[in-house]
Amino acid sequence: MKKLAALFCVVYALSACSIVPLTGRSQLAIFTTQDLMPLVNDEYKESLTDSKVLTSTKEGQEIVKVGNRMAEAVETYLKEQGYDSLVNELDWEFNLLENEEINAWCMPGGKVAFYTGILPFTRDETGIAVIMGHEIAHAVAGHANERMSQELLFELGITAVDIAIGQNPTLTQELLLQAVGVGSELQILGFSRKHELEADRMGLIFMAMAGYDPREAPAFWERMAEDSEEEEFEFLSTHPGPSRRIERLNSLLPEAIAIYEQSKGSIGLSAFSLRTK
């Protein structure tokens, strides 16, 4: 019986796969964004209620400006690549919340929150674009959906979706908050870091598409590295350490810079062949 149940789980997992735009990676996708949006809307609204919202301030409006500019560029690219259904699932919202924590996060569907604690590191509009591209990438790649799907399949097996959505909404809520970086995430660190590195690459490309100089991304992480002990940062966060990030971002710069230069010209982005890896 156990072997049969395990086989059902494997078959179910294989049938619930999708492809990450731009990178071409196959991912587990038991949950869809449509499944999660009622919960996402409630949790995002609660986050805005629990914190002082500073979106109407000068800093907050700059975040909204960068977010809208990048979302427009990303949606244009997705439509050119045939991801119209994904674009229809995205309902962008950008807010600045008063919180000393150095953090930003994005829920499925494109619900983004920046904390004031990260602003000393972003410094300007291009610095904001570094983090914004990364968070937008999480939404486009469906990272929260994938992380929740993997955790749920591991915990509950073949009946995961029915139990979580129909009988155990509390579990779904906990998985969502863990997946987007709100609350304790130590139990899924290894899996999350893979997503963080993927979001780094996608975010670098996205900021370049929107006309922001991608060379600012390594500079941002150099500022972060100056403010943290790397070993502690690597262990306690879902994010890879700054030096690893800087090295990888520098290796990706040639591709991103080519797109950045193209975004300032007259050639459409669809003419540029993005490599997958």
C-alpha atoms as a PDB file:
ATOM      1  CA  MET A   1       0.000   0.000   0.000  1.00  0.00           C
ATOM      2  CA  LYS A   2       2.818   2.411   0.915  1.00  0.00           C
ATOM      3  CA  LYS A   3       4.594   1.653  -2.358  1.00  0.00           C
ATOM      4  CA  LEU A   4       1.376   2.245  -4.285  1.00  0.00           C
ATOM      5  CA  ALA A   5       0.798   5.556  -2.525  1.00  0.00           C
ATOM      6  CA  ALA A   6       4.379   6.577  -3.270  1.00  0.00           C
ATOM      7  CA  LEU A   7       3.883   5.705  -6.936  1.00  0.00           C
ATOM      8  CA  PHE A   8       0.705   7.800  -7.078  1.00  0.00           C
ATOM      9  CA  CYS A   9       2.645  10.724  -5.569  1.00  0.00           C
ATOM     10  CA  VAL A  10       5.356  10.431  -8.216  1.00  0.00           C
ATOM     11  CA  VAL A  11       2.815  10.295 -11.045  1.00  0.00           C
ATOM     12  CA  TYR A  12       0.912  13.241  -9.558  1.00  0.00           C
ATOM     13  CA  ALA A  13       4.077  15.292  -9.190  1.00  0.00           C
ATOM     14  CA  LEU A  14       5.166  14.583 -12.756  1.00  0.00           C
ATOM     15  CA  SER A  15       1.763  15.641 -14.080  1.00  0.00           C
ATOM     16  CA  ALA A  16       1.868  18.904 -12.121  1.00  0.00           C
ATOM     17  CA  CYS A  17       4.898  20.499 -13.762  1.00  0.00           C
ATOM     18  CA  SER A  18       5.419  23.823 -15.463  1.00  0.00           C
ATOM     19  CA  ILE A  19       8.330  25.727 -17.042  1.00  0.00           C
ATOM     20  CA  VAL A  20       9.927  28.821 -15.511  1.00  0.00           C
ATOM     21  CA  PRO A  21      10.005  31.665 -18.058  1.00  0.00           C
ATOM     22  CA  LEU A  22      13.452  32.788 -19.209  1.00  0.00           C
ATOM     23  CA  THR A  23      15.434  30.040 -17.439  1.00  0.00           C
ATOM     24  CA  GLY A  24      13.477  27.098 -18.889  1.00  0.00           C
ATOM     25  CA  ARG A  25      13.664  25.124 -15.644  1.00  0.00           C
ATOM     26  CA  SER A  26      10.953  22.523 -14.982  1.00  0.00           C
ATOM     27  CA  GLN A  27       9.205  22.983 -11.644  1.00  0.00           C
ATOM     28  CA  LEU A  28       6.586  21.295  -9.493  1.00  0.00           C
ATOM     29  CA  ALA A  29       3.332  23.258  -9.578  1.00  0.00           C
ATOM     30  CA  ILE A  30       0.536  21.638  -7.626  1.00  0.00           C
ATOM     31  CA  PHE A  31      -0.720  25.054  -6.593  1.00  0.00           C
ATOM     32  CA  THR A  32      -1.678  27.616  -9.209  1.00  0.00           C
ATOM     33  CA  THR A  33      -1.683  31.356  -8.618  1.00  0.00           C
ATOM     34  CA  GLN A  34      -5.458  31.265  -9.023  1.00  0.00           C
ATOM     35  CA  ASP A  35      -5.672  28.723  -6.181  1.00  0.00           C
ATOM     36  CA  LEU A  36      -3.701  30.992  -3.875  1.00  0.00           C
ATOM     37  CA  MET A  37      -5.042  34.463  -4.666  1.00  0.00           C
ATOM     38  CA  PRO A  38      -7.874  34.529  -2.083  1.00  0.00           C
ATOM     39  CA  LEU A  39      -5.354  33.697   0.648  1.00  0.00           C
ATOM     40  CA  VAL A  40      -2.722  36.022  -0.852  1.00  0.00           C
ATOM     41  CA  ASN A  41      -5.118  38.956  -0.910  1.00  0.00           C
ATOM     42  CA  ASP A  42      -6.075  38.376   2.727  1.00  0.00           C
ATOM     43  CA  GLU A  43      -2.475  38.015   3.915  1.00  0.00           C
ATOM     44  CA  TYR A  44      -1.225  41.006   1.944  1.00  0.00           C
ATOM     45  CA  LYS A  45      -4.046  43.162   3.271  1.00  0.00           C
ATOM     46  CA  GLU A  46      -3.222  42.021   6.814  1.00  0.00           C
ATOM     47  CA  SER A  47       0.438  42.946   6.286  1.00  0.00           C
ATOM     48  CA  LEU A  48      -0.614  46.460   5.286  1.00  0.00           C
ATOM     49  CA  THR A  49      -2.894  46.685   8.312  1.00  0.00           C
ATOM     50  CA  ASP A  50      -0.232  45.473  10.750  1.00  0.00           C
ATOM     51  CA  SER A  51       2.409  47.944   9.550  1.00  0.00           C
ATOM     52  CA  LYS A  52       2.604  51.664   8.942  1.00  0.00           C
ATOM     53  CA  VAL A  53       2.223  52.082   5.182  1.00  0.00           C
ATOM     54  CA  LEU A  54       4.523  54.752   3.753  1.00  0.00           C
ATOM     55  CA  THR A  55       3.660  54.317   0.088  1.00  0.00           C
ATOM     56  CA  SER A  56       2.403  57.897  -0.232  1.00  0.00           C
ATOM     57  CA  THR A  57       5.785  59.301   0.832  1.00  0.00           C
ATOM     58  CA  LYS A  58       8.516  60.317  -1.616  1.00  0.00           C
ATOM     59  CA  GLU A  59      10.373  57.055  -0.999  1.00  0.00           C
ATOM     60  CA  GLY A  60       7.190  55.029  -1.350  1.00  0.00           C
ATOM     61  CA  GLN A  61       6.261  56.667  -4.634  1.00  0.00           C
ATOM     62  CA  GLU A  62       9.727  55.919  -5.979  1.00  0.00           C
ATOM     63  CA  ILE A  63       9.162  52.245  -5.209  1.00  0.00           C
ATOM     64  CA  VAL A  64       5.801  52.340  -6.993  1.00  0.00           C
ATOM     65  CA  LYS A  65       7.415  54.071  -9.983  1.00  0.00           C
ATOM     66  CA  VAL A  66      10.176  51.464 -10.268  1.00  0.00           C
ATOM     67  CA  GLY A  67       7.731  48.603  -9.752  1.00  0.00           C
ATOM     68  CA  ASN A  68       5.323  49.765 -12.445  1.00  0.00           C
ATOM     69  CA  ARG A  69       8.137  50.438 -14.919  1.00  0.00           C
ATOM     70  CA  MET A  70       9.641  47.007 -14.400  1.00  0.00           C
ATOM     71  CA  ALA A  71       6.292  45.205 -14.408  1.00  0.00           C
ATOM     72  CA  GLU A  72       5.446  46.793 -17.763  1.00  0.00           C
ATOM     73  CA  ALA A  73       8.756  45.682 -19.294  1.00  0.00           C
ATOM     74  CA  VAL A  74       8.423  42.162 -17.899  1.00  0.00           C
ATOM     75  CA  GLU A  75       4.850  41.758 -19.114  1.00  0.00           C
ATOM     76  CA  THR A  76       5.890  42.906 -22.591  1.00  0.00           C
ATOM     77  CA  TYR A  77       8.588  40.235 -22.638  1.00  0.00           C
ATOM     78  CA  LEU A  78       6.232  37.525 -21.326  1.00  0.00           C
ATOM     79  CA  LYS A  79       3.638  38.311 -23.979  1.00  0.00           C
ATOM     80  CA  GLU A  80       6.309  38.181 -26.692  1.00  0.00           C
ATOM     81  CA  GLN A  81       7.248  34.725 -25.412  1.00  0.00           C
ATOM     82  CA  GLY A  82       3.660  33.453 -25.380  1.00  0.00           C
ATOM     83  CA  TYR A  83       3.029  33.627 -21.612  1.00  0.00           C
ATOM     84  CA  ASP A  84      -0.254  35.524 -21.912  1.00  0.00           C
ATOM     85  CA  SER A  85      -1.980  33.303 -19.351  1.00  0.00           C
ATOM     86  CA  LEU A  86       0.729  34.092 -16.807  1.00  0.00           C
ATOM     87  CA  VAL A  87       0.389  37.821 -17.461  1.00  0.00           C
ATOM     88  CA  ASN A  88      -3.352  37.537 -16.813  1.00  0.00           C
ATOM     89  CA  GLU A  89      -2.619  36.039 -13.371  1.00  0.00           C
ATOM     90  CA  LEU A  90      -0.421  38.962 -12.308  1.00  0.00           C
ATOM     91  CA  ASP A  91      -2.058  41.771 -10.342  1.00  0.00           C
ATOM     92  CA  TRP A  92       0.833  44.002  -9.303  1.00  0.00           C
ATOM     93  CA  GLU A  93       0.840  46.040  -6.112  1.00  0.00           C
ATOM     94  CA  PHE A  94       3.832  47.810  -4.573  1.00  0.00           C
ATOM     95  CA  ASN A  95       4.006  49.196  -1.043  1.00  0.00           C
ATOM     96  CA  LEU A  96       6.590  50.568   1.371  1.00  0.00           C
ATOM     97  CA  LEU A  97       6.145  49.464   4.994  1.00  0.00           C
ATOM     98  CA  GLU A  98       7.818  50.916   8.063  1.00  0.00           C
ATOM     99  CA  ASN A  99      10.012  48.134   9.398  1.00  0.00           C
ATOM    100  CA  GLU A 100      13.683  48.179  10.430  1.00  0.00           C
ATOM    101  CA  GLU A 101      14.244  44.693   9.047  1.00  0.00           C
ATOM    102  CA  ILE A 102      16.415  44.626   5.905  1.00  0.00           C
ATOM    103  CA  ASN A 103      13.913  42.834   3.733  1.00  0.00           C
ATOM    104  CA  ALA A 104      11.505  42.881   0.819  1.00  0.00           C
ATOM    105  CA  TRP A 105       9.158  40.151  -0.338  1.00  0.00           C
ATOM    106  CA  CYS A 106       6.650  39.267  -3.029  1.00  0.00           C
ATOM    107  CA  MET A 107       3.560  37.094  -2.759  1.00  0.00           C
ATOM    108  CA  PRO A 108       2.095  35.157  -5.709  1.00  0.00           C
ATOM    109  CA  GLY A 109       0.356  37.390  -8.221  1.00  0.00           C
ATOM    110  CA  GLY A 110       2.829  40.227  -7.736  1.00  0.00           C
ATOM    111  CA  LYS A 111       2.015  41.614  -4.284  1.00  0.00           C
ATOM    112  CA  VAL A 112       5.288  43.311  -3.308  1.00  0.00           C
ATOM    113  CA  ALA A 113       6.359  44.897  -0.017  1.00  0.00           C
ATOM    114  CA  PHE A 114       9.562  46.815   0.690  1.00  0.00           C
ATOM    115  CA  TYR A 115      10.660  47.497   4.268  1.00  0.00           C
ATOM    116  CA  THR A 116      12.217  50.840   5.140  1.00  0.00           C
ATOM    117  CA  GLY A 117      15.193  48.954   6.578  1.00  0.00           C
ATOM    118  CA  ILE A 118      16.439  48.106   3.086  1.00  0.00           C
ATOM    119  CA  LEU A 119      16.385  51.668   1.752  1.00  0.00           C
ATOM    120  CA  PRO A 120      19.836  52.678   3.087  1.00  0.00           C
ATOM    121  CA  PHE A 121      21.252  49.915   0.871  1.00  0.00           C
ATOM    122  CA  THR A 122      19.209  50.620  -2.267  1.00  0.00           C
ATOM    123  CA  ARG A 123      20.041  54.353  -2.029  1.00  0.00           C
ATOM    124  CA  ASP A 124      18.499  55.360  -5.365  1.00  0.00           C
ATOM    125  CA  GLU A 125      16.094  54.305  -8.113  1.00  0.00           C
ATOM    126  CA  THR A 126      18.526  51.858  -9.712  1.00  0.00           C
ATOM    127  CA  GLY A 127      19.253  50.284  -6.344  1.00  0.00           C
ATOM    128  CA  ILE A 128      15.530  49.813  -5.822  1.00  0.00           C
ATOM    129  CA  ALA A 129      15.397  48.154  -9.263  1.00  0.00           C
ATOM    130  CA  VAL A 130      17.931  45.543  -8.101  1.00  0.00           C
ATOM    131  CA  ILE A 131      15.597  44.358  -5.342  1.00  0.00           C
ATOM    132  CA  MET A 132      12.424  44.980  -7.340  1.00  0.00           C
ATOM    133  CA  GLY A 133      13.664  42.809 -10.203  1.00  0.00           C
ATOM    134  CA  HIS A 134      14.496  40.041  -7.769  1.00  0.00           C
ATOM    135  CA  GLU A 135      11.049  40.162  -6.130  1.00  0.00           C
ATOM    136  CA  ILE A 136       9.225  40.400  -9.461  1.00  0.00           C
ATOM    137  CA  ALA A 137      11.204  37.349 -10.559  1.00  0.00           C
ATOM    138  CA  HIS A 138       9.803  35.361  -7.623  1.00  0.00           C
ATOM    139  CA  ALA A 139       6.271  36.113  -8.859  1.00  0.00           C
ATOM    140  CA  VAL A 140       7.007  35.396 -12.522  1.00  0.00           C
ATOM    141  CA  ALA A 141       8.833  32.148 -11.695  1.00  0.00           C
ATOM    142  CA  GLY A 142       6.096  31.005  -9.304  1.00  0.00           C
ATOM    143  CA  HIS A 143       8.643  30.284  -6.588  1.00  0.00           C
ATOM    144  CA  ALA A 144       6.187  30.509  -3.699  1.00  0.00           C
ATOM    145  CA  ASN A 145       3.785  28.198  -5.526  1.00  0.00           C
ATOM    146  CA  GLU A 146       6.597  25.705  -6.165  1.00  0.00           C
ATOM    147  CA  ARG A 147       7.938  25.796  -2.620  1.00  0.00           C
ATOM    148  CA  MET A 148       4.463  25.297  -1.192  1.00  0.00           C
ATOM    149  CA  SER A 149       3.803  22.469  -3.647  1.00  0.00           C
ATOM    150  CA  GLN A 150       6.996  20.639  -2.735  1.00  0.00           C
ATOM    151  CA  GLU A 151       6.486  21.016   1.004  1.00  0.00           C
ATOM    152  CA  LEU A 152       2.857  19.950   0.748  1.00  0.00           C
ATOM    153  CA  LEU A 153       3.548  16.926  -1.428  1.00  0.00           C
ATOM    154  CA  PHE A 154       6.256  15.829   0.985  1.00  0.00           C
ATOM    155  CA  GLU A 155       3.972  16.236   4.017  1.00  0.00           C
ATOM    156  CA  LEU A 156       0.649  15.019   2.701  1.00  0.00           C
ATOM    157  CA  GLY A 157       1.230  13.057  -0.503  1.00  0.00           C
ATOM    158  CA  ILE A 158      -1.387  12.554  -3.194  1.00  0.00           C
ATOM    159  CA  THR A 159      -4.220  14.253  -1.268  1.00  0.00           C
ATOM    160  CA  ALA A 160      -2.165  17.395  -0.627  1.00  0.00           C
ATOM    161  CA  VAL A 161      -4.200  19.929  -2.546  1.00  0.00           C
ATOM    162  CA  ASP A 162      -7.611  18.719  -1.382  1.00  0.00           C
ATOM    163  CA  ILE A 163      -6.534  18.652   2.262  1.00  0.00           C
ATOM    164  CA  ALA A 164      -4.718  21.971   2.236  1.00  0.00           C
ATOM    165  CA  ILE A 165      -7.251  24.023   0.314  1.00  0.00           C
ATOM    166  CA  GLY A 166     -10.414  22.309   1.526  1.00  0.00           C
ATOM    167  CA  GLN A 167      -9.725  20.926   4.994  1.00  0.00           C
ATOM    168  CA  ASN A 168      -6.598  22.587   6.322  1.00  0.00           C
ATOM    169  CA  PRO A 169      -6.418  26.269   5.324  1.00  0.00           C
ATOM    170  CA  THR A 170      -4.195  27.015   8.325  1.00  0.00           C
ATOM    171  CA  LEU A 171      -1.464  24.805   6.899  1.00  0.00           C
ATOM    172  CA  THR A 172      -1.777  26.549   3.531  1.00  0.00           C
ATOM    173  CA  GLN A 173      -1.460  29.914   5.252  1.00  0.00           C
ATOM    174  CA  GLU A 174       1.688  28.839   7.099  1.00  0.00           C
ATOM    175  CA  LEU A 175       3.272  27.504   3.916  1.00  0.00           C
ATOM    176  CA  LEU A 176       2.513  30.732   2.052  1.00  0.00           C
ATOM    177  CA  LEU A 177       4.080  32.955   4.713  1.00  0.00           C
ATOM    178  CA  GLN A 178       7.162  30.744   4.854  1.00  0.00           C
ATOM    179  CA  ALA A 179       7.437  30.643   1.085  1.00  0.00           C
ATOM    180  CA  VAL A 180       7.517  34.422   0.597  1.00  0.00           C
ATOM    181  CA  GLY A 181       9.784  35.241   3.529  1.00  0.00           C
ATOM    182  CA  VAL A 182       7.328  36.263   6.251  1.00  0.00           C
ATOM    183  CA  GLY A 183       8.096  34.231   9.368  1.00  0.00           C
ATOM    184  CA  SER A 184      10.503  31.405  10.107  1.00  0.00           C
ATOM    185  CA  GLU A 185      11.977  29.733   7.034  1.00  0.00           C
ATOM    186  CA  LEU A 186      14.870  27.710   8.463  1.00  0.00           C
ATOM    187  CA  GLN A 187      13.168  24.420   7.617  1.00  0.00           C
ATOM    188  CA  ILE A 188      13.308  25.091   3.852  1.00  0.00           C
ATOM    189  CA  LEU A 189      16.632  26.930   3.545  1.00  0.00           C
ATOM    190  CA  GLY A 190      18.278  24.660   0.980  1.00  0.00           C
ATOM    191  CA  PHE A 191      15.383  24.706  -1.443  1.00  0.00           C
ATOM    192  CA  SER A 192      14.875  28.444  -1.029  1.00  0.00           C
ATOM    193  CA  ARG A 193      18.477  29.315  -1.876  1.00  0.00           C
ATOM    194  CA  LYS A 194      18.095  27.680  -5.288  1.00  0.00           C
ATOM    195  CA  HIS A 195      15.174  29.974  -5.944  1.00  0.00           C
ATOM    196  CA  GLU A 196      17.089  32.982  -4.711  1.00  0.00           C
ATOM    197  CA  LEU A 197      19.881  32.363  -7.214  1.00  0.00           C
ATOM    198  CA  GLU A 198      17.362  31.890 -10.021  1.00  0.00           C
ATOM    199  CA  ALA A 199      15.608  35.108  -9.021  1.00  0.00           C
ATOM    200  CA  ASP A 200      18.970  36.897  -9.029  1.00  0.00           C
ATOM    201  CA  ARG A 201      19.534  36.021 -12.668  1.00  0.00           C
ATOM    202  CA  MET A 202      15.965  36.763 -13.726  1.00  0.00           C
ATOM    203  CA  GLY A 203      15.943  39.995 -11.728  1.00  0.00           C
ATOM    204  CA  LEU A 204      19.167  41.130 -13.382  1.00  0.00           C
ATOM    205  CA  ILE A 205      17.620  40.561 -16.811  1.00  0.00           C
ATOM    206  CA  PHE A 206      14.343  42.206 -15.806  1.00  0.00           C
ATOM    207  CA  MET A 207      15.994  45.396 -14.544  1.00  0.00           C
ATOM    208  CA  ALA A 208      17.994  45.556 -17.776  1.00  0.00           C
ATOM    209  CA  MET A 209      14.804  45.156 -19.820  1.00  0.00           C
ATOM    210  CA  ALA A 210      13.320  48.111 -17.937  1.00  0.00           C
ATOM    211  CA  GLY A 211      16.345  50.289 -18.700  1.00  0.00           C
ATOM    212  CA  TYR A 212      18.134  50.081 -15.345  1.00  0.00           C
ATOM    213  CA  ASP A 213      21.892  49.508 -15.396  1.00  0.00           C
ATOM    214  CA  PRO A 214      22.458  45.906 -14.177  1.00  0.00           C
ATOM    215  CA  ARG A 215      25.982  46.790 -13.031  1.00  0.00           C
ATOM    216  CA  GLU A 216      24.341  48.228  -9.926  1.00  0.00           C
ATOM    217  CA  ALA A 217      23.366  44.733  -8.733  1.00  0.00           C
ATOM    218  CA  PRO A 218      26.851  43.598  -7.628  1.00  0.00           C
ATOM    219  CA  ALA A 219      27.398  47.058  -6.132  1.00  0.00           C
ATOM    220  CA  PHE A 220      24.254  46.661  -4.033  1.00  0.00           C
ATOM    221  CA  TRP A 221      25.444  43.320  -2.654  1.00  0.00           C
ATOM    222  CA  GLU A 222      28.865  44.774  -1.922  1.00  0.00           C
ATOM    223  CA  ARG A 223      27.113  47.302   0.323  1.00  0.00           C
ATOM    224  CA  MET A 224      25.197  44.472   1.966  1.00  0.00           C
ATOM    225  CA  ALA A 225      28.422  42.524   2.494  1.00  0.00           C
ATOM    226  CA  GLU A 226      29.970  45.465   4.332  1.00  0.00           C
ATOM    227  CA  ASP A 227      27.137  45.366   6.860  1.00  0.00           C
ATOM    228  CA  SER A 228      27.001  41.668   7.677  1.00  0.00           C
ATOM    229  CA  GLU A 229      29.146  38.730   8.717  1.00  0.00           C
ATOM    230  CA  GLU A 230      28.834  36.435   5.731  1.00  0.00           C
ATOM    231  CA  GLU A 231      28.762  33.168   7.680  1.00  0.00           C
ATOM    232  CA  GLU A 232      25.867  34.364   9.818  1.00  0.00           C
ATOM    233  CA  PHE A 233      24.077  35.820   6.809  1.00  0.00           C
ATOM    234  CA  GLU A 234      24.396  32.546   4.887  1.00  0.00           C
ATOM    235  CA  PHE A 235      23.179  30.362   7.746  1.00  0.00           C
ATOM    236  CA  LEU A 236      20.257  32.373   9.086  1.00  0.00           C
ATOM    237  CA  SER A 237      18.811  33.639   5.819  1.00  0.00           C
ATOM    238  CA  THR A 238      17.262  31.907   2.852  1.00  0.00           C
ATOM    239  CA  HIS A 239      19.508  34.133   0.737  1.00  0.00           C
ATOM    240  CA  PRO A 240      22.985  33.044  -0.370  1.00  0.00           C
ATOM    241  CA  GLY A 241      25.893  34.968   1.132  1.00  0.00           C
ATOM    242  CA  PRO A 242      26.883  38.283  -0.497  1.00  0.00           C
ATOM    243  CA  SER A 243      30.233  37.084  -1.906  1.00  0.00           C
ATOM    244  CA  ARG A 244      28.607  34.136  -3.676  1.00  0.00           C
ATOM    245  CA  ARG A 245      25.941  36.435  -5.045  1.00  0.00           C
ATOM    246  CA  ILE A 246      28.406  39.061  -6.224  1.00  0.00           C
ATOM    247  CA  GLU A 247      30.517  36.454  -8.029  1.00  0.00           C
ATOM    248  CA  ARG A 248      27.541  34.979  -9.839  1.00  0.00           C
ATOM    249  CA  LEU A 249      26.017  38.362 -10.739  1.00  0.00           C
ATOM    250  CA  ASN A 250      29.314  39.499 -12.217  1.00  0.00           C
ATOM    251  CA  SER A 251      29.400  36.363 -14.364  1.00  0.00           C
ATOM    252  CA  LEU A 252      25.909  37.192 -15.662  1.00  0.00           C
ATOM    253  CA  LEU A 253      26.591  40.853 -16.412  1.00  0.00           C
ATOM    254  CA  PRO A 254      27.588  40.488 -20.094  1.00  0.00           C
ATOM    255  CA  GLU A 255      24.155  39.090 -20.993  1.00  0.00           C
ATOM    256  CA  ALA A 256      22.337  41.678 -18.884  1.00  0.00           C
ATOM    257  CA  ILE A 257      24.396  44.607 -20.164  1.00  0.00           C
ATOM    258  CA  ALA A 258      23.639  43.606 -23.770  1.00  0.00           C
ATOM    259  CA  ILE A 259      19.911  43.686 -22.959  1.00  0.00           C
ATOM    260  CA  TYR A 260      20.320  46.991 -21.098  1.00  0.00           C
ATOM    261  CA  GLU A 261      22.021  48.592 -24.101  1.00  0.00           C
ATOM    262  CA  GLN A 262      19.348  47.182 -26.381  1.00  0.00           C
ATOM    263  CA  SER A 263      16.551  48.522 -24.145  1.00  0.00           C
ATOM    264  CA  LYS A 264      17.834  52.037 -24.860  1.00  0.00           C
ATOM    265  CA  GLY A 265      17.761  51.456 -28.613  1.00  0.00           C
ATOM    266  CA  SER A 266      15.049  50.878 -31.155  1.00  0.00           C
ATOM    267  CA  ILE A 267      15.303  47.076 -31.460  1.00  0.00           C
ATOM    268  CA  GLY A 268      12.546  45.144 -29.718  1.00  0.00           C
ATOM    269  CA  LEU A 269      13.548  42.867 -26.867  1.00  0.00           C
ATOM    270  CA  SER A 270      12.032  39.917 -28.678  1.00  0.00           C
ATOM    271  CA  ALA A 271      14.905  40.156 -31.171  1.00  0.00           C
ATOM    272  CA  PHE A 272      17.408  39.319 -28.446  1.00  0.00           C
ATOM    273  CA  SER A 273      17.940  35.626 -27.871  1.00  0.00           C
ATOM    274  CA  LEU A 274      17.993  34.932 -24.129  1.00  0.00           C
ATOM    275  CA  ARG A 275      19.956  31.843 -23.237  1.00  0.00           C
ATOM    276  CA  THR A 276      18.556  29.312 -20.794  1.00  0.00           C
ATOM    277  CA  LYS A 277      20.554  27.362 -18.252  1.00  0.00           C
END
